[in-house]
């Protein structure tokens, strides 16, 4: 909520937030925050990743190009390999 609040201060509230049904997005606090600001929460249908193709594509690319190719020993090791 703090991050969203900060973004809204700088950019104004969005009309809609498109999200999946993860616990961080279906909470009463999130619902109350959105309602108070007139923001519609638009949930994707469970089991339908095609409802949000852009995000699924974005998430798949790092997985294919990085996570499936490297074994990370620590956070510092991951940073070094990703930045290379």
PDB file of N, CA and C in Angstrom:
ATOM      1  N   UNK A   1       0.814  -1.176   0.000  1.00  0.00           N
ATOM      2  CA  UNK A   1       0.000   0.000   0.000  1.00  0.00           C
ATOM      3  C   UNK A   1       0.872   1.260   0.000  1.00  0.00           C
ATOM      4  N   UNK A   2       2.018   1.191   0.703  1.00  0.00           N
ATOM      5  CA  UNK A   2       2.908   2.357   0.735  1.00  0.00           C
ATOM      6  C   UNK A   2       3.445   2.670  -0.658  1.00  0.00           C
ATOM      7  N   UNK A   3       3.843   1.649  -1.382  1.00  0.00           N
ATOM      8  CA  UNK A   3       4.391   1.869  -2.726  1.00  0.00           C
ATOM      9  C   UNK A   3       3.316   2.427  -3.653  1.00  0.00           C
ATOM     10  N   UNK A   4       2.146   1.839  -3.625  1.00  0.00           N
ATOM     11  CA  UNK A   4       1.057   2.356  -4.459  1.00  0.00           C
ATOM     12  C   UNK A   4       0.716   3.791  -4.080  1.00  0.00           C
ATOM     13  N   UNK A   5       0.676   4.079  -2.790  1.00  0.00           N
ATOM     14  CA  UNK A   5       0.399   5.433  -2.340  1.00  0.00           C
ATOM     15  C   UNK A   5       1.425   6.428  -2.845  1.00  0.00           C
ATOM     16  N   UNK A   6       2.687   6.039  -2.837  1.00  0.00           N
ATOM     17  CA  UNK A   6       3.758   6.902  -3.331  1.00  0.00           C
ATOM     18  C   UNK A   6       3.611   7.154  -4.827  1.00  0.00           C
ATOM     19  N   UNK A   7       3.287   6.110  -5.567  1.00  0.00           N
ATOM     20  CA  UNK A   7       3.101   6.256  -7.017  1.00  0.00           C
ATOM     21  C   UNK A   7       1.926   7.185  -7.309  1.00  0.00           C
ATOM     22  N   UNK A   8       0.839   7.014  -6.572  1.00  0.00           N
ATOM     23  CA  UNK A   8      -0.349   7.852  -6.775  1.00  0.00           C
ATOM     24  C   UNK A   8      -0.031   9.317  -6.483  1.00  0.00           C
ATOM     25  N   UNK A   9       0.802   9.582  -5.477  1.00  0.00           N
ATOM     26  CA  UNK A   9       1.179  10.966  -5.180  1.00  0.00           C
ATOM     27  C   UNK A   9       1.901  11.622  -6.344  1.00  0.00           C
ATOM     28  N   UNK A  10       2.728  10.862  -7.036  1.00  0.00           N
ATOM     29  CA  UNK A  10       3.523  11.413  -8.135  1.00  0.00           C
ATOM     30  C   UNK A  10       2.802  11.375  -9.481  1.00  0.00           C
ATOM     31  N   UNK A  11       1.990  10.350  -9.706  1.00  0.00           N
ATOM     32  CA  UNK A  11       1.397  10.164 -11.034  1.00  0.00           C
ATOM     33  C   UNK A  11      -0.117  10.237 -11.061  1.00  0.00           C
ATOM     34  N   UNK A  12      -0.732  10.262  -9.898  1.00  0.00           N
ATOM     35  CA  UNK A  12      -2.188  10.224  -9.829  1.00  0.00           C
ATOM     36  C   UNK A  12      -2.667   8.780  -9.847  1.00  0.00           C
ATOM     37  N   UNK A  13      -3.904   8.554  -9.432  1.00  0.00           N
ATOM     38  CA  UNK A  13      -4.397   7.178  -9.361  1.00  0.00           C
ATOM     39  C   UNK A  13      -4.728   6.618 -10.748  1.00  0.00           C
ATOM     40  N   UNK A  14      -4.490   5.339 -10.947  1.00  0.00           N
ATOM     41  CA  UNK A  14      -4.891   4.723 -12.210  1.00  0.00           C
ATOM     42  C   UNK A  14      -6.394   4.490 -12.211  1.00  0.00           C
ATOM     43  N   UNK A  15      -6.972   4.289 -13.374  1.00  0.00           N
ATOM     44  CA  UNK A  15      -8.387   3.940 -13.442  1.00  0.00           C
ATOM     45  C   UNK A  15      -8.594   2.490 -13.016  1.00  0.00           C
ATOM     46  N   UNK A  16      -7.656   1.624 -13.435  1.00  0.00           N
ATOM     47  CA  UNK A  16      -7.775   0.192 -13.189  1.00  0.00           C
ATOM     48  C   UNK A  16      -6.414  -0.386 -12.849  1.00  0.00           C
ATOM     49  N   UNK A  17      -6.398  -1.371 -11.959  1.00  0.00           N
ATOM     50  CA  UNK A  17      -5.205  -2.171 -11.715  1.00  0.00           C
ATOM     51  C   UNK A  17      -5.545  -3.600 -12.125  1.00  0.00           C
ATOM     52  N   UNK A  18      -4.837  -4.108 -13.111  1.00  0.00           N
ATOM     53  CA  UNK A  18      -5.035  -5.476 -13.596  1.00  0.00           C
ATOM     54  C   UNK A  18      -4.129  -6.388 -12.789  1.00  0.00           C
ATOM     55  N   UNK A  19      -4.678  -7.427 -12.209  1.00  0.00           N
ATOM     56  CA  UNK A  19      -3.895  -8.274 -11.320  1.00  0.00           C
ATOM     57  C   UNK A  19      -4.375  -9.717 -11.358  1.00  0.00           C
ATOM     58  N   UNK A  20      -3.544 -10.593 -10.824  1.00  0.00           N
ATOM     59  CA  UNK A  20      -3.972 -11.979 -10.673  1.00  0.00           C
ATOM     60  C   UNK A  20      -4.686 -12.118  -9.329  1.00  0.00           C
ATOM     61  N   UNK A  21      -4.962 -13.322  -8.928  1.00  0.00           N
ATOM     62  CA  UNK A  21      -5.707 -13.561  -7.692  1.00  0.00           C
ATOM     63  C   UNK A  21      -4.796 -13.925  -6.524  1.00  0.00           C
ATOM     64  N   UNK A  22      -3.560 -13.433  -6.561  1.00  0.00           N
ATOM     65  CA  UNK A  22      -2.630 -13.699  -5.474  1.00  0.00           C
ATOM     66  C   UNK A  22      -3.086 -13.058  -4.178  1.00  0.00           C
ATOM     67  N   UNK A  23      -2.643 -13.624  -3.076  1.00  0.00           N
ATOM     68  CA  UNK A  23      -3.094 -13.159  -1.757  1.00  0.00           C
ATOM     69  C   UNK A  23      -2.791 -11.688  -1.514  1.00  0.00           C
ATOM     70  N   UNK A  24      -1.716 -11.172  -2.133  1.00  0.00           N
ATOM     71  CA  UNK A  24      -1.380  -9.765  -1.930  1.00  0.00           C
ATOM     72  C   UNK A  24      -2.373  -8.822  -2.612  1.00  0.00           C
ATOM     73  N   UNK A  25      -3.167  -9.340  -3.557  1.00  0.00           N
ATOM     74  CA  UNK A  25      -4.096  -8.493  -4.289  1.00  0.00           C
ATOM     75  C   UNK A  25      -5.560  -8.709  -3.908  1.00  0.00           C
ATOM     76  N   UNK A  26      -5.862  -9.776  -3.193  1.00  0.00           N
ATOM     77  CA  UNK A  26      -7.260 -10.025  -2.839  1.00  0.00           C
ATOM     78  C   UNK A  26      -7.558  -9.671  -1.379  1.00  0.00           C
ATOM     79  N   UNK A  27      -6.636  -8.981  -0.743  1.00  0.00           N
ATOM     80  CA  UNK A  27      -6.825  -8.635   0.661  1.00  0.00           C
ATOM     81  C   UNK A  27      -7.861  -7.522   0.814  1.00  0.00           C
ATOM     82  N   UNK A  28      -8.433  -7.458   1.991  1.00  0.00           N
ATOM     83  CA  UNK A  28      -9.395  -6.390   2.296  1.00  0.00           C
ATOM     84  C   UNK A  28      -8.711  -5.029   2.269  1.00  0.00           C
ATOM     85  N   UNK A  29      -7.438  -4.979   2.691  1.00  0.00           N
ATOM     86  CA  UNK A  29      -6.708  -3.713   2.699  1.00  0.00           C
ATOM     87  C   UNK A  29      -6.544  -3.175   1.282  1.00  0.00           C
ATOM     88  N   UNK A  30      -6.216  -4.054   0.343  1.00  0.00           N
ATOM     89  CA  UNK A  30      -6.073  -3.629  -1.051  1.00  0.00           C
ATOM     90  C   UNK A  30      -7.412  -3.165  -1.608  1.00  0.00           C
ATOM     91  N   UNK A  31      -8.463  -3.902  -1.312  1.00  0.00           N
ATOM     92  CA  UNK A  31      -9.794  -3.547  -1.784  1.00  0.00           C
ATOM     93  C   UNK A  31     -10.219  -2.186  -1.225  1.00  0.00           C
ATOM     94  N   UNK A  32      -9.969  -1.969   0.054  1.00  0.00           N
ATOM     95  CA  UNK A  32     -10.320  -0.702   0.693  1.00  0.00           C
ATOM     96  C   UNK A  32      -9.512   0.451   0.098  1.00  0.00           C
ATOM     97  N   UNK A  33      -8.210   0.233  -0.119  1.00  0.00           N
ATOM     98  CA  UNK A  33      -7.351   1.250  -0.702  1.00  0.00           C
ATOM     99  C   UNK A  33      -7.865   1.651  -2.087  1.00  0.00           C
ATOM    100  N   UNK A  34      -8.159   0.663  -2.916  1.00  0.00           N
ATOM    101  CA  UNK A  34      -8.632   0.932  -4.281  1.00  0.00           C
ATOM    102  C   UNK A  34      -9.982   1.648  -4.262  1.00  0.00           C
ATOM    103  N   UNK A  35     -10.897   1.184  -3.428  1.00  0.00           N
ATOM    104  CA  UNK A  35     -12.226   1.789  -3.344  1.00  0.00           C
ATOM    105  C   UNK A  35     -12.140   3.259  -2.939  1.00  0.00           C
ATOM    106  N   UNK A  36     -11.309   3.559  -1.952  1.00  0.00           N
ATOM    107  CA  UNK A  36     -11.173   4.927  -1.455  1.00  0.00           C
ATOM    108  C   UNK A  36     -10.630   5.878  -2.516  1.00  0.00           C
ATOM    109  N   UNK A  37      -9.945   5.332  -3.516  1.00  0.00           N
ATOM    110  CA  UNK A  37      -9.344   6.166  -4.556  1.00  0.00           C
ATOM    111  C   UNK A  37     -10.060   6.042  -5.902  1.00  0.00           C
ATOM    112  N   UNK A  38     -11.138   5.283  -5.924  1.00  0.00           N
ATOM    113  CA  UNK A  38     -11.891   5.108  -7.163  1.00  0.00           C
ATOM    114  C   UNK A  38     -11.173   4.277  -8.204  1.00  0.00           C
ATOM    115  N   UNK A  39     -10.312   3.362  -7.733  1.00  0.00           N
ATOM    116  CA  UNK A  39      -9.537   2.505  -8.631  1.00  0.00           C
ATOM    117  C   UNK A  39     -10.229   1.145  -8.737  1.00  0.00           C
ATOM    118  N   UNK A  40     -10.476   0.700  -9.960  1.00  0.00           N
ATOM    119  CA  UNK A  40     -11.090  -0.610 -10.177  1.00  0.00           C
ATOM    120  C   UNK A  40     -10.019  -1.692 -10.135  1.00  0.00           C
ATOM    121  N   UNK A  41     -10.254  -2.748  -9.392  1.00  0.00           N
ATOM    122  CA  UNK A  41      -9.374  -3.921  -9.390  1.00  0.00           C
ATOM    123  C   UNK A  41      -9.940  -4.913 -10.396  1.00  0.00           C
ATOM    124  N   UNK A  42      -9.165  -5.219 -11.411  1.00  0.00           N
ATOM    125  CA  UNK A  42      -9.600  -6.100 -12.483  1.00  0.00           C
ATOM    126  C   UNK A  42      -8.799  -7.396 -12.377  1.00  0.00           C
ATOM    127  N   UNK A  43      -9.426  -8.427 -11.854  1.00  0.00           N
ATOM    128  CA  UNK A  43      -8.735  -9.696 -11.607  1.00  0.00           C
ATOM    129  C   UNK A  43      -8.772 -10.593 -12.833  1.00  0.00           C
ATOM    130  N   UNK A  44      -7.638 -11.249 -13.109  1.00  0.00           N
ATOM    131  CA  UNK A  44      -7.629 -12.248 -14.170  1.00  0.00           C
ATOM    132  C   UNK A  44      -8.364 -13.483 -13.677  1.00  0.00           C
ATOM    133  N   UNK A  45      -8.851 -14.249 -14.602  1.00  0.00           N
ATOM    134  CA  UNK A  45      -9.570 -15.466 -14.240  1.00  0.00           C
ATOM    135  C   UNK A  45      -8.575 -16.529 -13.770  1.00  0.00           C
ATOM    136  N   UNK A  46      -8.876 -17.224 -12.691  1.00  0.00           N
ATOM    137  CA  UNK A  46      -7.955 -18.263 -12.200  1.00  0.00           C
ATOM    138  C   UNK A  46      -7.636 -19.281 -13.291  1.00  0.00           C
ATOM    139  N   UNK A  47      -6.351 -19.596 -13.416  1.00  0.00           N
ATOM    140  CA  UNK A  47      -5.927 -20.586 -14.400  1.00  0.00           C
ATOM    141  C   UNK A  47      -5.903 -20.068 -15.824  1.00  0.00           C
ATOM    142  N   UNK A  48      -6.003 -18.760 -16.003  1.00  0.00           N
ATOM    143  CA  UNK A  48      -6.021 -18.168 -17.346  1.00  0.00           C
ATOM    144  C   UNK A  48      -4.877 -17.159 -17.499  1.00  0.00           C
ATOM    145  N   UNK A  49      -3.635 -17.625 -17.632  1.00  0.00           N
ATOM    146  CA  UNK A  49      -2.523 -16.685 -17.779  1.00  0.00           C
ATOM    147  C   UNK A  49      -2.633 -15.856 -19.049  1.00  0.00           C
ATOM    148  N   UNK A  50      -3.410 -16.308 -20.016  1.00  0.00           N
ATOM    149  CA  UNK A  50      -3.566 -15.538 -21.248  1.00  0.00           C
ATOM    150  C   UNK A  50      -4.349 -14.252 -21.027  1.00  0.00           C
ATOM    151  N   UNK A  51      -4.982 -14.093 -19.865  1.00  0.00           N
ATOM    152  CA  UNK A  51      -5.665 -12.839 -19.559  1.00  0.00           C
ATOM    153  C   UNK A  51      -4.676 -11.688 -19.436  1.00  0.00           C
ATOM    154  N   UNK A  52      -3.430 -11.990 -19.176  1.00  0.00           N
ATOM    155  CA  UNK A  52      -2.412 -10.954 -19.016  1.00  0.00           C
ATOM    156  C   UNK A  52      -1.157 -11.377 -19.777  1.00  0.00           C
ATOM    157  N   UNK A  53      -1.275 -11.417 -21.081  1.00  0.00           N
ATOM    158  CA  UNK A  53      -0.225 -11.942 -21.946  1.00  0.00           C
ATOM    159  C   UNK A  53       1.084 -11.170 -21.812  1.00  0.00           C
ATOM    160  N   UNK A  54       1.008  -9.856 -21.705  1.00  0.00           N
ATOM    161  CA  UNK A  54       2.234  -9.053 -21.629  1.00  0.00           C
ATOM    162  C   UNK A  54       3.066  -9.427 -20.404  1.00  0.00           C
ATOM    163  N   UNK A  55       2.427  -9.585 -19.262  1.00  0.00           N
ATOM    164  CA  UNK A  55       3.155  -9.933 -18.043  1.00  0.00           C
ATOM    165  C   UNK A  55       3.691 -11.360 -18.125  1.00  0.00           C
ATOM    166  N   UNK A  56       2.885 -12.281 -18.622  1.00  0.00           N
ATOM    167  CA  UNK A  56       3.341 -13.659 -18.747  1.00  0.00           C
ATOM    168  C   UNK A  56       4.541 -13.753 -19.687  1.00  0.00           C
ATOM    169  N   UNK A  57       4.505 -12.988 -20.767  1.00  0.00           N
ATOM    170  CA  UNK A  57       5.628 -12.967 -21.704  1.00  0.00           C
ATOM    171  C   UNK A  57       6.865 -12.384 -21.047  1.00  0.00           C
ATOM    172  N   UNK A  58       6.679 -11.277 -20.322  1.00  0.00           N
ATOM    173  CA  UNK A  58       7.796 -10.639 -19.632  1.00  0.00           C
ATOM    174  C   UNK A  58       8.406 -11.584 -18.605  1.00  0.00           C
ATOM    175  N   UNK A  59       7.578 -12.256 -17.822  1.00  0.00           N
ATOM    176  CA  UNK A  59       8.074 -13.178 -16.799  1.00  0.00           C
ATOM    177  C   UNK A  59       8.773 -14.376 -17.413  1.00  0.00           C
ATOM    178  N   UNK A  60       8.304 -14.839 -18.555  1.00  0.00           N
ATOM    179  CA  UNK A  60       8.901 -16.012 -19.199  1.00  0.00           C
ATOM    180  C   UNK A  60      10.275 -15.744 -19.763  1.00  0.00           C
ATOM    181  N   UNK A  61      10.494 -14.551 -20.267  1.00  0.00           N
ATOM    182  CA  UNK A  61      11.765 -14.220 -20.913  1.00  0.00           C
ATOM    183  C   UNK A  61      12.948 -14.306 -19.947  1.00  0.00           C
ATOM    184  N   UNK A  62      12.898 -13.661 -18.779  1.00  0.00           N
ATOM    185  CA  UNK A  62      14.038 -13.805 -17.850  1.00  0.00           C
ATOM    186  C   UNK A  62      14.240 -15.244 -17.395  1.00  0.00           C
ATOM    187  N   UNK A  63      13.144 -15.964 -17.258  1.00  0.00           N
ATOM    188  CA  UNK A  63      13.252 -17.358 -16.852  1.00  0.00           C
ATOM    189  C   UNK A  63      14.026 -18.155 -17.901  1.00  0.00           C
ATOM    190  N   UNK A  64      13.671 -17.965 -19.169  1.00  0.00           N
ATOM    191  CA  UNK A  64      14.334 -18.703 -20.244  1.00  0.00           C
ATOM    192  C   UNK A  64      15.772 -18.251 -20.444  1.00  0.00           C
ATOM    193  N   UNK A  65      15.983 -16.940 -20.428  1.00  0.00           N
ATOM    194  CA  UNK A  65      17.294 -16.393 -20.761  1.00  0.00           C
ATOM    195  C   UNK A  65      18.289 -16.398 -19.599  1.00  0.00           C
ATOM    196  N   UNK A  66      17.800 -16.494 -18.381  1.00  0.00           N
ATOM    197  CA  UNK A  66      18.716 -16.373 -17.245  1.00  0.00           C
ATOM    198  C   UNK A  66      18.552 -17.496 -16.229  1.00  0.00           C
ATOM    199  N   UNK A  67      17.355 -17.629 -15.689  1.00  0.00           N
ATOM    200  CA  UNK A  67      17.177 -18.563 -14.578  1.00  0.00           C
ATOM    201  C   UNK A  67      17.390 -20.015 -14.983  1.00  0.00           C
ATOM    202  N   UNK A  68      17.025 -20.379 -16.200  1.00  0.00           N
ATOM    203  CA  UNK A  68      17.230 -21.755 -16.646  1.00  0.00           C
ATOM    204  C   UNK A  68      18.672 -22.016 -17.071  1.00  0.00           C
ATOM    205  N   UNK A  69      19.459 -20.958 -17.238  1.00  0.00           N
ATOM    206  CA  UNK A  69      20.830 -21.083 -17.741  1.00  0.00           C
ATOM    207  C   UNK A  69      21.898 -21.046 -16.663  1.00  0.00           C
ATOM    208  N   UNK A  70      21.563 -20.538 -15.480  1.00  0.00           N
ATOM    209  CA  UNK A  70      22.572 -20.326 -14.445  1.00  0.00           C
ATOM    210  C   UNK A  70      22.159 -20.946 -13.119  1.00  0.00           C
ATOM    211  N   UNK A  71      23.175 -21.284 -12.348  1.00  0.00           N
ATOM    212  CA  UNK A  71      22.994 -21.759 -10.983  1.00  0.00           C
ATOM    213  C   UNK A  71      23.570 -20.662 -10.087  1.00  0.00           C
ATOM    214  N   UNK A  72      22.747 -20.099  -9.212  1.00  0.00           N
ATOM    215  CA  UNK A  72      23.186 -18.995  -8.373  1.00  0.00           C
ATOM    216  C   UNK A  72      23.562 -19.505  -6.988  1.00  0.00           C
ATOM    217  N   UNK A  73      24.739 -19.120  -6.536  1.00  0.00           N
ATOM    218  CA  UNK A  73      25.232 -19.560  -5.233  1.00  0.00           C
ATOM    219  C   UNK A  73      24.859 -18.598  -4.115  1.00  0.00           C
ATOM    220  N   UNK A  74      24.594 -17.349  -4.479  1.00  0.00           N
ATOM    221  CA  UNK A  74      24.217 -16.333  -3.493  1.00  0.00           C
ATOM    222  C   UNK A  74      23.559 -15.177  -4.243  1.00  0.00           C
ATOM    223  N   UNK A  75      23.040 -14.228  -3.496  1.00  0.00           N
ATOM    224  CA  UNK A  75      22.447 -13.052  -4.115  1.00  0.00           C
ATOM    225  C   UNK A  75      23.511 -12.244  -4.868  1.00  0.00           C
ATOM    226  N   UNK A  76      24.690 -12.121  -4.287  1.00  0.00           N
ATOM    227  CA  UNK A  76      25.779 -11.405  -4.964  1.00  0.00           C
ATOM    228  C   UNK A  76      26.184 -12.116  -6.252  1.00  0.00           C
ATOM    229  N   UNK A  77      26.233 -13.449  -6.222  1.00  0.00           N
ATOM    230  CA  UNK A  77      26.549 -14.228  -7.412  1.00  0.00           C
ATOM    231  C   UNK A  77      25.487 -14.017  -8.491  1.00  0.00           C
ATOM    232  N   UNK A  78      24.227 -13.985  -8.089  1.00  0.00           N
ATOM    233  CA  UNK A  78      23.136 -13.755  -9.038  1.00  0.00           C
ATOM    234  C   UNK A  78      23.263 -12.371  -9.668  1.00  0.00           C
ATOM    235  N   UNK A  79      23.530 -11.357  -8.852  1.00  0.00           N
ATOM    236  CA  UNK A  79      23.683 -10.000  -9.383  1.00  0.00           C
ATOM    237  C   UNK A  79      24.811  -9.922 -10.401  1.00  0.00           C
ATOM    238  N   UNK A  80      25.947 -10.533 -10.080  1.00  0.00           N
ATOM    239  CA  UNK A  80      27.101 -10.510 -10.986  1.00  0.00           C
ATOM    240  C   UNK A  80      26.778 -11.193 -12.308  1.00  0.00           C
ATOM    241  N   UNK A  81      26.114 -12.338 -12.250  1.00  0.00           N
ATOM    242  CA  UNK A  81      25.794 -13.058 -13.487  1.00  0.00           C
ATOM    243  C   UNK A  81      24.729 -12.342 -14.303  1.00  0.00           C
ATOM    244  N   UNK A  82      23.758 -11.752 -13.646  1.00  0.00           N
ATOM    245  CA  UNK A  82      22.699 -11.058 -14.373  1.00  0.00           C
ATOM    246  C   UNK A  82      23.232  -9.784 -15.021  1.00  0.00           C
ATOM    247  N   UNK A  83      24.126  -9.074 -14.334  1.00  0.00           N
ATOM    248  CA  UNK A  83      24.671  -7.831 -14.878  1.00  0.00           C
ATOM    249  C   UNK A  83      25.687  -8.074 -15.995  1.00  0.00           C
ATOM    250  N   UNK A  84      26.224  -9.272 -16.081  1.00  0.00           N
ATOM    251  CA  UNK A  84      27.246  -9.596 -17.105  1.00  0.00           C
ATOM    252  C   UNK A  84      26.651  -9.680 -18.489  1.00  0.00           C
TER     253      UNK A  84
END
